[in-house]
Structures are given as C-alpha cells and as structure tokens.
Amino acid sequence: MATKSSGFSLVELLVVVAILGILSSVGILTYTGYVKGTKIRAAKAIMQQISLAQTEEYSNTGNYFSNADEGGCSPSAAITRDIEINLLGRLAYELDAVTPMSQIGRETGYEVCIENTGTNNFIIIAEEIGGGTNACELTLSRNGQTTETNC
C-alpha cells in the first residue's frame, strides 16, 4: 500500500533555500552598486554647483574661493561646512561632535574641498566618507574636466 505525502521533503526545501540565497545575494550586489553610483552622481552634481558658485565668486571679488593651496586640499566635514557657508550661502550650523558630517556629506556621502592650483585656477576634490585608503575620489577642474579614482 502506498502512502501519500502532503508536504515537502527536506531536499526540496534545501533547494528552495539555496535558490533564494543566490537570488538575494545577486539582488544585494546590484542594489549596492546602484547606491554607490547614485552617490557618485550626487557628488558630481554638488561639485558642479560649487563650480558655478566659483564663477559667481570670481565675478564678485575677482578671486576664486579656496580652502588650500596646491597639494594641500584634504576633504573633511569642517572644510565642506566652510564651503557651504561661505560659497554656497547656506546657513551656519555646528558639526555634530559624535559623527561630524557636513550637510553635503549627509546628502551625498562625500566631503569636498577646493584647491588653489595657480593664478585664477582651482580644482574641486570630493572624497567618499569612510572609504579609508581605497575611498572613491572625484575631482573637477575649473574647465569642467572630471576624474574618478578608486570608484
């Protein structure tokens, strides 16, 4: 006499779990890449906004705004905050003592600085927050040329 089984076998359940694991890992990798790409695009957009503000600054004062001379630009929350207040005209604010991050840093995941690279020339540097030595670094020159390193 044959018995009828009304459930799933252990092998069938293991196969389903394995398939779900593979699909979820592919989904997570795709999502992570999407988020990283979105942050890069957001950082590039804010760098373009800073570049436009630089044009206005030059029109008003005859000089470009800068945080550092050539080779001395290191993006940080304090430097980005300085750019936001003095160049972009955002309201002054204090950095959080526990997790210091500028408004741009919270919005894009990147901190920025502006480096003076000679008479009437500058580059904007954006660096990924928390990326360590392999952090993605974006640069935008005054003439609009962008470069990406470790992105």
Protein backbone atom coordinates (compact mmCIF):
# COMPACT_ATOMS: atom_id res chain seq x y z
CA MET A 1 0.00 0.00 0.00
CA ALA A 2 1.41 3.43 -0.99
CA THR A 3 1.32 6.38 1.36
CA LYS A 4 0.60 9.90 0.20
CA SER A 5 2.90 12.72 1.26
CA SER A 6 1.23 16.08 1.73
CA GLY A 7 4.38 18.12 2.49
CA PHE A 8 7.77 18.95 1.06
CA SER A 9 10.83 16.80 1.52
CA LEU A 10 13.93 18.14 3.21
CA VAL A 11 15.83 18.10 -0.10
CA GLU A 12 13.14 20.18 -1.80
CA LEU A 13 13.24 22.76 1.00
CA LEU A 14 17.05 22.95 0.85
CA VAL A 15 16.96 23.52 -2.92
CA VAL A 16 14.44 26.36 -2.50
CA VAL A 17 16.51 27.96 0.28
CA ALA A 18 19.66 27.73 -1.87
CA ILE A 19 17.90 29.35 -4.83
CA LEU A 20 16.56 32.16 -2.60
CA GLY A 21 20.06 32.71 -1.20
CA ILE A 22 21.56 33.04 -4.66
CA LEU A 23 18.84 35.43 -5.82
CA SER A 24 19.13 37.60 -2.71
CA SER A 25 22.94 37.84 -2.97
CA VAL A 26 22.64 38.96 -6.60
CA GLY A 27 19.99 41.50 -5.57
CA ILE A 28 22.13 42.87 -2.75
CA LEU A 29 25.15 43.28 -5.03
CA THR A 30 23.05 45.03 -7.66
CA TYR A 31 21.48 47.33 -5.06
CA THR A 32 24.87 48.19 -3.54
CA GLY A 33 26.21 49.13 -6.98
CA TYR A 34 23.13 51.23 -7.65
CA VAL A 35 23.52 53.12 -4.34
CA LYS A 36 27.24 53.75 -4.97
CA GLY A 37 26.53 55.04 -8.48
CA THR A 38 23.80 57.33 -7.16
CA LYS A 39 26.13 58.78 -4.53
CA ILE A 40 28.79 59.44 -7.17
CA ARG A 41 26.27 61.23 -9.38
CA ALA A 42 25.06 63.30 -6.39
CA ALA A 43 28.64 64.26 -5.51
CA LYS A 44 29.32 65.26 -9.12
CA ALA A 45 26.18 67.41 -9.11
CA ILE A 46 27.22 69.24 -5.94
CA MET A 47 30.69 69.73 -7.42
CA GLN A 48 29.06 71.36 -10.48
CA GLN A 49 27.04 73.58 -8.13
CA ILE A 50 30.26 74.60 -6.34
CA SER A 51 31.91 75.31 -9.70
CA LEU A 52 29.03 77.61 -10.66
CA ALA A 53 29.30 79.35 -7.29
CA GLN A 54 33.02 79.80 -8.01
CA THR A 55 32.14 81.66 -11.21
CA GLU A 56 29.87 83.97 -9.23
CA GLU A 57 32.55 84.44 -6.55
CA TYR A 58 35.07 85.42 -9.23
CA SER A 59 32.59 87.89 -10.73
CA ASN A 60 32.01 89.49 -7.33
CA THR A 61 35.53 89.55 -5.89
CA GLY A 62 37.99 88.90 -8.72
CA ASN A 63 39.23 85.74 -6.95
CA TYR A 64 38.14 82.14 -6.59
CA PHE A 65 37.30 80.73 -3.17
CA SER A 66 39.84 78.20 -1.92
CA ASN A 67 40.41 76.05 1.15
CA ALA A 68 44.04 75.20 0.41
CA ASP A 69 46.96 75.83 -1.90
CA GLU A 70 48.13 73.23 -4.41
CA GLY A 71 48.68 69.81 -2.83
CA GLY A 72 47.12 70.80 0.50
CA CYS A 73 43.46 70.00 -0.07
CA SER A 74 42.06 67.27 2.17
CA PRO A 75 38.26 66.97 2.23
CA SER A 76 36.71 66.99 5.69
CA ALA A 77 33.42 67.90 7.34
CA ALA A 78 34.79 71.23 8.61
CA ILE A 79 36.15 72.23 5.20
CA THR A 80 32.92 71.21 3.45
CA ARG A 81 30.93 73.19 6.03
CA ASP A 82 33.15 76.21 5.28
CA ILE A 83 32.34 75.89 1.56
CA GLU A 84 28.62 75.54 2.26
CA ILE A 85 28.51 78.67 4.40
CA ASN A 86 30.96 80.97 2.59
CA LEU A 87 30.46 79.95 -1.04
CA LEU A 88 27.03 78.35 -1.33
CA GLY A 89 25.33 80.70 1.12
CA ARG A 90 23.86 78.02 3.37
CA LEU A 91 23.03 78.93 6.94
CA ALA A 92 25.75 78.43 9.53
CA TYR A 93 25.50 75.28 11.64
CA GLU A 94 27.61 73.33 14.11
CA LEU A 95 29.04 69.90 13.33
CA ASP A 96 27.82 67.01 15.46
CA ALA A 97 30.58 66.09 17.94
CA VAL A 98 29.83 62.35 17.78
CA THR A 99 29.65 61.89 14.00
CA PRO A 100 30.94 65.07 12.37
CA MET A 101 29.46 65.24 8.90
CA SER A 102 28.56 68.26 6.81
CA GLN A 103 25.16 68.68 5.18
CA ILE A 104 26.72 67.77 1.82
CA GLY A 105 28.30 64.73 3.48
CA ARG A 106 24.93 63.56 4.77
CA GLU A 107 23.29 64.19 1.39
CA THR A 108 25.94 62.60 -0.85
CA GLY A 109 28.30 60.51 1.28
CA TYR A 110 31.21 62.72 0.14
CA GLU A 111 33.11 65.62 1.72
CA VAL A 112 34.67 68.27 -0.54
CA CYS A 113 37.42 70.87 -0.65
CA ILE A 114 38.63 73.45 -3.16
CA GLU A 115 42.32 73.61 -4.01
CA ASN A 116 44.01 76.66 -5.48
CA THR A 117 46.13 75.41 -8.41
CA GLY A 118 47.68 78.66 -9.60
CA THR A 119 46.58 82.09 -10.63
CA ASN A 120 42.86 82.07 -11.30
CA ASN A 121 42.62 78.28 -11.29
CA PHE A 122 41.14 75.69 -8.95
CA ILE A 123 40.07 72.07 -8.64
CA ILE A 124 37.26 70.69 -6.52
CA ILE A 125 38.00 67.41 -4.77
CA ALA A 126 35.30 65.14 -3.31
CA GLU A 127 36.22 62.11 -1.22
CA GLU A 128 33.96 59.28 -0.11
CA ILE A 129 33.27 59.29 3.63
CA GLY A 130 34.56 56.24 5.47
CA GLY A 131 36.28 54.75 2.45
CA GLY A 132 39.73 54.60 4.04
CA THR A 133 42.71 54.30 1.73
CA ASN A 134 40.51 52.93 -1.07
CA ALA A 135 37.98 55.77 -0.89
CA CYS A 136 36.49 56.96 -4.14
CA GLU A 137 37.91 60.37 -5.04
CA LEU A 138 36.37 62.68 -7.60
CA THR A 139 37.99 65.82 -9.00
CA LEU A 140 36.52 68.60 -11.09
CA SER A 141 38.79 71.18 -12.70
CA ARG A 142 37.81 74.74 -13.45
CA ASN A 143 37.40 73.86 -17.14
CA GLY A 144 34.90 71.07 -16.29
CA GLN A 145 37.17 68.02 -16.62
CA THR A 146 36.27 65.29 -14.13
CA THR A 147 38.33 62.34 -12.96
CA GLU A 148 37.46 59.37 -10.76
CA THR A 149 39.94 57.40 -8.65
CA ASN A 150 39.07 54.11 -6.87
CA CYS A 151 35.40 54.42 -7.86
